[in-house]
Amino acid sequence: MSKLTEKRRVVIPVRAGDVMAEFISFDGDDSGKEHIGIFFEGKSSEKNDIPLVRLHSECLTGDVFGSGRCDCGEQLDEAIDRINQEGGYILYLRQEGRGIGLYSKLDAYALQDQGYDTYQANEMLHLPEDGRDFGVAAEMLKAVGVTKLRLLTNNPDKAKQLIEHGIDVVELVPTKVHMNQHNRQYLETKAKRKHHTLKFD
C-alpha cells in the first residue's frame, strides 16, 4: 500500500439528521476496499483534546440488518453516540467477517449452528481466525493528522497493531457488553480465545 492521503470530505446527516458527520475518502489504497473515515466534531463542552477513535470492521448482517448473532450493530450505534459527544473518528473498515468476507462468514455460521465456535468454524474452512489488518487504519489516521488517540474497543489486538504502526494509543476505552440470547457464546469465546476485555453479569 502506498501512503494514504485524504481524497474528499463530505458532510452527511446521519440518524435522520440528528448527527452531522464528515465522511472521508482516501487516495493510495490499492486494495480496492474503499475504507472510509467518519469525523465527528463533538458536542460536549468538556471535549478531550485527544480524539476518541473506533476501528469498526464492516458487518452487513449486524450493522444493516440488526443480526443478534453478533454485537456489531450495537457497537456501531454506541460509537456514533459517544464520538458524536466527545469528538473523534470512526474508521469503517471493509473487512467483513473478521476479514474472511460475507459468503465465508455465512459458511462459518452454518458450522456454528452445528456447535462449533466462531474460531473453530473458520479453522474448519481453512480460513484465519482473524484476518483483519489494522495497519490500514493507522495509515488512515496519519492521513487525517491523528497520531495520538483514545481507542474505543474491547479488543487488545487493535491497539497492538496501531502501536506497531506508529500510533500513540494513550487510553483504551471499553465498549459496553451488548449481549443477547443469540450472541452470548460468541462474546464469551472472544473473551476466552482473544482476551477481549468483556465483563459479563
C-alpha atoms as a PDB file:
ATOM      1  CA  MET A   1       0.000   0.000   0.000  1.00  0.00           C
ATOM      2  CA  SER A   2       1.311   3.432  -0.909  1.00  0.00           C
ATOM      3  CA  LYS A   3       0.958   6.322   1.532  1.00  0.00           C
ATOM      4  CA  LEU A   4      -2.663   7.287   2.021  1.00  0.00           C
ATOM      5  CA  THR A   5      -3.870  10.842   1.544  1.00  0.00           C
ATOM      6  CA  GLU A   6      -7.261  12.414   2.019  1.00  0.00           C
ATOM      7  CA  LYS A   7      -9.303  12.458  -1.170  1.00  0.00           C
ATOM      8  CA  ARG A   8     -12.564  14.124  -0.186  1.00  0.00           C
ATOM      9  CA  ARG A   9     -14.651  15.155   2.831  1.00  0.00           C
ATOM     10  CA  VAL A  10     -18.436  15.305   2.557  1.00  0.00           C
ATOM     11  CA  VAL A  11     -20.857  16.220   5.348  1.00  0.00           C
ATOM     12  CA  ILE A  12     -23.637  13.647   5.696  1.00  0.00           C
ATOM     13  CA  PRO A  13     -26.532  13.996   8.137  1.00  0.00           C
ATOM     14  CA  VAL A  14     -26.960  10.607   9.841  1.00  0.00           C
ATOM     15  CA  ARG A  15     -29.640   9.410  12.250  1.00  0.00           C
ATOM     16  CA  ALA A  16     -32.179  11.299  10.108  1.00  0.00           C
ATOM     17  CA  GLY A  17     -30.203  14.490  10.553  1.00  0.00           C
ATOM     18  CA  ASP A  18     -29.713  14.313  14.316  1.00  0.00           C
ATOM     19  CA  VAL A  19     -25.974  13.768  13.837  1.00  0.00           C
ATOM     20  CA  MET A  20     -23.762  15.603  11.359  1.00  0.00           C
ATOM     21  CA  ALA A  21     -20.635  13.753  10.300  1.00  0.00           C
ATOM     22  CA  GLU A  22     -17.883  14.230   7.734  1.00  0.00           C
ATOM     23  CA  PHE A  23     -17.283  11.146   5.592  1.00  0.00           C
ATOM     24  CA  ILE A  24     -13.702  10.956   4.329  1.00  0.00           C
ATOM     25  CA  SER A  25     -12.389   9.033   1.330  1.00  0.00           C
ATOM     26  CA  PHE A  26      -8.726   8.315   0.642  1.00  0.00           C
ATOM     27  CA  ASP A  27      -6.263   8.017  -2.208  1.00  0.00           C
ATOM     28  CA  GLY A  28      -3.447   5.488  -2.181  1.00  0.00           C
ATOM     29  CA  ASP A  29      -5.222   2.327  -1.022  1.00  0.00           C
ATOM     30  CA  ASP A  30      -4.533  -0.230  -3.726  1.00  0.00           C
ATOM     31  CA  SER A  31      -6.677  -2.921  -2.057  1.00  0.00           C
ATOM     32  CA  GLY A  32      -9.823  -1.515  -3.700  1.00  0.00           C
ATOM     33  CA  LYS A  33     -11.808  -1.972  -0.487  1.00  0.00           C
ATOM     34  CA  GLU A  34     -12.811   1.688  -0.087  1.00  0.00           C
ATOM     35  CA  HIS A  35     -12.340   2.042   3.671  1.00  0.00           C
ATOM     36  CA  ILE A  36     -13.963   5.218   4.979  1.00  0.00           C
ATOM     37  CA  GLY A  37     -13.229   7.664   7.784  1.00  0.00           C
ATOM     38  CA  ILE A  38     -16.067   9.388   9.629  1.00  0.00           C
ATOM     39  CA  PHE A  39     -15.296  12.547  11.629  1.00  0.00           C
ATOM     40  CA  PHE A  40     -17.449  13.908  14.438  1.00  0.00           C
ATOM     41  CA  GLU A  41     -16.772  17.427  15.741  1.00  0.00           C
ATOM     42  CA  GLY A  42     -18.084  16.647  19.216  1.00  0.00           C
ATOM     43  CA  LYS A  43     -20.815  18.355  21.215  1.00  0.00           C
ATOM     44  CA  SER A  44     -19.571  18.204  24.775  1.00  0.00           C
ATOM     45  CA  SER A  45     -18.341  21.416  26.357  1.00  0.00           C
ATOM     46  CA  GLU A  46     -15.616  19.331  28.016  1.00  0.00           C
ATOM     47  CA  LYS A  47     -14.217  17.800  24.821  1.00  0.00           C
ATOM     48  CA  ASN A  48     -10.976  15.912  25.272  1.00  0.00           C
ATOM     49  CA  ASP A  49      -8.084  17.241  23.199  1.00  0.00           C
ATOM     50  CA  ILE A  50      -7.185  13.647  22.305  1.00  0.00           C
ATOM     51  CA  PRO A  51      -9.764  12.229  19.860  1.00  0.00           C
ATOM     52  CA  LEU A  52     -11.824   9.155  20.646  1.00  0.00           C
ATOM     53  CA  VAL A  53     -11.466   6.638  17.795  1.00  0.00           C
ATOM     54  CA  ARG A  54     -13.350   3.458  16.939  1.00  0.00           C
ATOM     55  CA  LEU A  55     -11.997   0.963  14.395  1.00  0.00           C
ATOM     56  CA  HIS A  56     -15.167  -0.736  13.152  1.00  0.00           C
ATOM     57  CA  SER A  57     -14.992  -3.642  10.755  1.00  0.00           C
ATOM     58  CA  GLU A  58     -17.905  -3.848   8.355  1.00  0.00           C
ATOM     59  CA  CYS A  59     -20.650  -6.296   9.323  1.00  0.00           C
ATOM     60  CA  LEU A  60     -23.551  -6.282   6.878  1.00  0.00           C
ATOM     61  CA  THR A  61     -25.666  -8.645   8.960  1.00  0.00           C
ATOM     62  CA  GLY A  62     -25.191  -6.695  12.184  1.00  0.00           C
ATOM     63  CA  ASP A  63     -24.737  -3.093  11.033  1.00  0.00           C
ATOM     64  CA  VAL A  64     -27.563  -3.069   8.489  1.00  0.00           C
ATOM     65  CA  PHE A  65     -29.943  -5.875   9.456  1.00  0.00           C
ATOM     66  CA  GLY A  66     -29.507  -5.868  13.237  1.00  0.00           C
ATOM     67  CA  SER A  67     -28.392  -9.501  13.495  1.00  0.00           C
ATOM     68  CA  GLY A  68     -28.493 -10.897  17.010  1.00  0.00           C
ATOM     69  CA  ARG A  69     -25.619 -13.304  16.299  1.00  0.00           C
ATOM     70  CA  CYS A  70     -23.018 -10.602  16.973  1.00  0.00           C
ATOM     71  CA  ASP A  71     -22.783  -7.243  18.725  1.00  0.00           C
ATOM     72  CA  CYS A  72     -21.534  -5.216  15.747  1.00  0.00           C
ATOM     73  CA  GLY A  73     -24.622  -3.096  15.119  1.00  0.00           C
ATOM     74  CA  GLU A  74     -24.927  -2.152  18.784  1.00  0.00           C
ATOM     75  CA  GLN A  75     -21.214  -1.314  18.960  1.00  0.00           C
ATOM     76  CA  LEU A  76     -21.502   0.926  15.910  1.00  0.00           C
ATOM     77  CA  ASP A  77     -24.506   2.724  17.406  1.00  0.00           C
ATOM     78  CA  GLU A  78     -22.647   3.172  20.688  1.00  0.00           C
ATOM     79  CA  ALA A  79     -19.611   4.539  18.855  1.00  0.00           C
ATOM     80  CA  ILE A  80     -21.717   7.083  16.962  1.00  0.00           C
ATOM     81  CA  ASP A  81     -23.362   8.245  20.198  1.00  0.00           C
ATOM     82  CA  ARG A  82     -20.125   8.536  22.180  1.00  0.00           C
ATOM     83  CA  ILE A  83     -17.887  10.011  19.497  1.00  0.00           C
ATOM     84  CA  ASN A  84     -20.563  12.487  18.417  1.00  0.00           C
ATOM     85  CA  GLN A  85     -20.447  13.772  22.002  1.00  0.00           C
ATOM     86  CA  GLU A  86     -16.692  13.649  22.605  1.00  0.00           C
ATOM     87  CA  GLY A  87     -15.278  14.281  19.136  1.00  0.00           C
ATOM     88  CA  GLY A  88     -13.168  11.942  17.062  1.00  0.00           C
ATOM     89  CA  TYR A  89     -13.361   9.373  14.303  1.00  0.00           C
ATOM     90  CA  ILE A  90     -14.954   6.096  13.324  1.00  0.00           C
ATOM     91  CA  LEU A  91     -12.880   4.233  10.759  1.00  0.00           C
ATOM     92  CA  TYR A  92     -15.279   1.978   8.886  1.00  0.00           C
ATOM     93  CA  LEU A  93     -13.080  -0.820   7.555  1.00  0.00           C
ATOM     94  CA  ARG A  94     -14.326  -3.078   4.773  1.00  0.00           C
ATOM     95  CA  GLN A  95     -13.227  -6.290   6.500  1.00  0.00           C
ATOM     96  CA  GLU A  96     -16.441  -8.306   6.660  1.00  0.00           C
ATOM     97  CA  GLY A  97     -16.424 -11.392   8.868  1.00  0.00           C
ATOM     98  CA  ARG A  98     -13.090 -10.544  10.548  1.00  0.00           C
ATOM     99  CA  GLY A  99     -11.572 -10.368   7.090  1.00  0.00           C
ATOM    100  CA  ILE A 100     -12.955 -13.562   5.501  1.00  0.00           C
ATOM    101  CA  GLY A 101     -15.815 -11.965   3.544  1.00  0.00           C
ATOM    102  CA  LEU A 102     -19.590 -12.229   3.676  1.00  0.00           C
ATOM    103  CA  TYR A 103     -20.062 -15.579   1.903  1.00  0.00           C
ATOM    104  CA  SER A 104     -17.408 -17.257   4.054  1.00  0.00           C
ATOM    105  CA  LYS A 105     -18.999 -15.752   7.148  1.00  0.00           C
ATOM    106  CA  LEU A 106     -22.283 -17.411   6.219  1.00  0.00           C
ATOM    107  CA  ASP A 107     -20.425 -20.702   5.725  1.00  0.00           C
ATOM    108  CA  ALA A 108     -18.936 -20.250   9.194  1.00  0.00           C
ATOM    109  CA  TYR A 109     -22.382 -19.515  10.642  1.00  0.00           C
ATOM    110  CA  ALA A 110     -23.628 -22.824   9.235  1.00  0.00           C
ATOM    111  CA  LEU A 111     -20.835 -24.637  11.093  1.00  0.00           C
ATOM    112  CA  GLN A 112     -21.595 -22.666  14.264  1.00  0.00           C
ATOM    113  CA  ASP A 113     -25.170 -23.956  14.003  1.00  0.00           C
ATOM    114  CA  GLN A 114     -23.639 -27.441  14.353  1.00  0.00           C
ATOM    115  CA  GLY A 115     -21.983 -26.479  17.650  1.00  0.00           C
ATOM    116  CA  TYR A 116     -18.559 -25.141  16.675  1.00  0.00           C
ATOM    117  CA  ASP A 117     -17.435 -21.766  17.979  1.00  0.00           C
ATOM    118  CA  THR A 118     -16.630 -18.827  15.709  1.00  0.00           C
ATOM    119  CA  TYR A 119     -12.877 -19.541  15.596  1.00  0.00           C
ATOM    120  CA  GLN A 120     -13.250 -23.315  15.178  1.00  0.00           C
ATOM    121  CA  ALA A 121     -15.595 -22.697  12.236  1.00  0.00           C
ATOM    122  CA  ASN A 122     -13.004 -20.528  10.486  1.00  0.00           C
ATOM    123  CA  GLU A 123     -10.340 -23.161  11.071  1.00  0.00           C
ATOM    124  CA  MET A 124     -12.563 -25.865   9.551  1.00  0.00           C
ATOM    125  CA  LEU A 125     -12.944 -23.679   6.458  1.00  0.00           C
ATOM    126  CA  HIS A 126      -9.129 -23.246   6.300  1.00  0.00           C
ATOM    127  CA  LEU A 127      -9.542 -19.539   6.983  1.00  0.00           C
ATOM    128  CA  PRO A 128      -7.718 -17.344   9.531  1.00  0.00           C
ATOM    129  CA  GLU A 129      -9.273 -16.921  12.965  1.00  0.00           C
ATOM    130  CA  ASP A 130      -8.961 -13.184  12.418  1.00  0.00           C
ATOM    131  CA  GLY A 131      -7.720 -11.950   9.055  1.00  0.00           C
ATOM    132  CA  ARG A 132      -8.109  -8.238   9.719  1.00  0.00           C
ATOM    133  CA  ASP A 133      -5.255  -5.808   9.107  1.00  0.00           C
ATOM    134  CA  PHE A 134      -5.467  -2.662  11.228  1.00  0.00           C
ATOM    135  CA  GLY A 135      -2.313  -1.246   9.657  1.00  0.00           C
ATOM    136  CA  VAL A 136      -4.545   0.417   7.070  1.00  0.00           C
ATOM    137  CA  ALA A 137      -6.369   2.141   9.930  1.00  0.00           C
ATOM    138  CA  ALA A 138      -3.058   3.578  11.138  1.00  0.00           C
ATOM    139  CA  GLU A 139      -2.380   4.957   7.660  1.00  0.00           C
ATOM    140  CA  MET A 140      -5.880   6.467   7.517  1.00  0.00           C
ATOM    141  CA  LEU A 141      -5.300   8.140  10.873  1.00  0.00           C
ATOM    142  CA  LYS A 142      -1.966   9.580   9.763  1.00  0.00           C
ATOM    143  CA  ALA A 143      -3.646  10.888   6.599  1.00  0.00           C
ATOM    144  CA  VAL A 144      -6.109  12.927   8.692  1.00  0.00           C
ATOM    145  CA  GLY A 145      -3.368  14.106  11.058  1.00  0.00           C
ATOM    146  CA  VAL A 146      -4.087  11.845  14.045  1.00  0.00           C
ATOM    147  CA  THR A 147      -1.123  10.144  15.701  1.00  0.00           C
ATOM    148  CA  LYS A 148      -2.388  10.138  19.308  1.00  0.00           C
ATOM    149  CA  LEU A 149      -5.788   8.836  20.328  1.00  0.00           C
ATOM    150  CA  ARG A 150      -8.067   7.155  22.829  1.00  0.00           C
ATOM    151  CA  LEU A 151      -9.278   3.852  21.391  1.00  0.00           C
ATOM    152  CA  LEU A 152     -12.877   2.726  21.874  1.00  0.00           C
ATOM    153  CA  THR A 153     -12.521  -1.053  21.956  1.00  0.00           C
ATOM    154  CA  ASN A 154     -12.519  -4.274  23.958  1.00  0.00           C
ATOM    155  CA  ASN A 155     -10.021  -5.852  21.541  1.00  0.00           C
ATOM    156  CA  PRO A 156      -6.365  -5.508  22.614  1.00  0.00           C
ATOM    157  CA  ASP A 157      -5.133  -6.563  19.154  1.00  0.00           C
ATOM    158  CA  LYS A 158      -6.440  -3.327  17.641  1.00  0.00           C
ATOM    159  CA  ALA A 159      -4.297  -1.254  19.988  1.00  0.00           C
ATOM    160  CA  LYS A 160      -1.290  -3.534  19.441  1.00  0.00           C
ATOM    161  CA  GLN A 161      -1.450  -3.172  15.658  1.00  0.00           C
ATOM    162  CA  LEU A 162      -1.914   0.601  15.818  1.00  0.00           C
ATOM    163  CA  ILE A 163       1.069   0.970  18.138  1.00  0.00           C
ATOM    164  CA  GLU A 164       3.176  -1.204  15.811  1.00  0.00           C
ATOM    165  CA  HIS A 165       2.320   1.236  13.013  1.00  0.00           C
ATOM    166  CA  GLY A 166       3.340   4.371  14.906  1.00  0.00           C
ATOM    167  CA  ILE A 167       0.090   5.464  16.568  1.00  0.00           C
ATOM    168  CA  ASP A 168       0.182   6.514  20.225  1.00  0.00           C
ATOM    169  CA  VAL A 169      -2.761   4.818  21.960  1.00  0.00           C
ATOM    170  CA  VAL A 170      -2.960   6.707  25.243  1.00  0.00           C
ATOM    171  CA  GLU A 171      -6.092   5.021  26.607  1.00  0.00           C
ATOM    172  CA  LEU A 172      -8.290   2.001  25.929  1.00  0.00           C
ATOM    173  CA  VAL A 173     -11.928   2.980  26.418  1.00  0.00           C
ATOM    174  CA  PRO A 174     -14.070  -0.164  26.755  1.00  0.00           C
ATOM    175  CA  THR A 175     -17.345  -0.539  24.933  1.00  0.00           C
ATOM    176  CA  LYS A 176     -20.429  -1.849  26.648  1.00  0.00           C
ATOM    177  CA  VAL A 177     -21.249  -5.551  26.531  1.00  0.00           C
ATOM    178  CA  HIS A 178     -24.201  -5.879  24.150  1.00  0.00           C
ATOM    179  CA  MET A 179     -25.333  -9.394  24.970  1.00  0.00           C
ATOM    180  CA  ASN A 180     -28.489 -11.242  23.994  1.00  0.00           C
ATOM    181  CA  GLN A 181     -29.675 -14.849  23.929  1.00  0.00           C
ATOM    182  CA  HIS A 182     -28.139 -15.400  20.479  1.00  0.00           C
ATOM    183  CA  ASN A 183     -24.630 -13.975  20.944  1.00  0.00           C
ATOM    184  CA  ARG A 184     -23.573 -14.910  24.484  1.00  0.00           C
ATOM    185  CA  GLN A 185     -21.379 -17.836  23.367  1.00  0.00           C
ATOM    186  CA  TYR A 186     -19.855 -15.677  20.619  1.00  0.00           C
ATOM    187  CA  LEU A 187     -18.921 -12.964  23.128  1.00  0.00           C
ATOM    188  CA  GLU A 188     -17.643 -15.443  25.714  1.00  0.00           C
ATOM    189  CA  THR A 189     -15.482 -17.073  23.036  1.00  0.00           C
ATOM    190  CA  LYS A 190     -13.941 -13.712  22.074  1.00  0.00           C
ATOM    191  CA  ALA A 191     -13.088 -13.084  25.720  1.00  0.00           C
ATOM    192  CA  LYS A 192     -11.621 -16.558  26.229  1.00  0.00           C
ATOM    193  CA  ARG A 193      -9.758 -17.033  22.949  1.00  0.00           C
ATOM    194  CA  LYS A 194      -8.684 -13.474  22.089  1.00  0.00           C
ATOM    195  CA  HIS A 195      -8.670 -11.809  25.524  1.00  0.00           C
ATOM    196  CA  HIS A 196     -11.323  -9.225  24.713  1.00  0.00           C
ATOM    197  CA  THR A 197     -11.974  -7.192  27.858  1.00  0.00           C
ATOM    198  CA  LEU A 198     -15.600  -8.153  28.347  1.00  0.00           C
ATOM    199  CA  LYS A 199     -17.269  -8.251  31.754  1.00  0.00           C
ATOM    200  CA  PHE A 200     -20.318 -10.463  31.998  1.00  0.00           C
ATOM    201  CA  ASP A 201     -23.074 -10.420  34.606  1.00  0.00           C
END
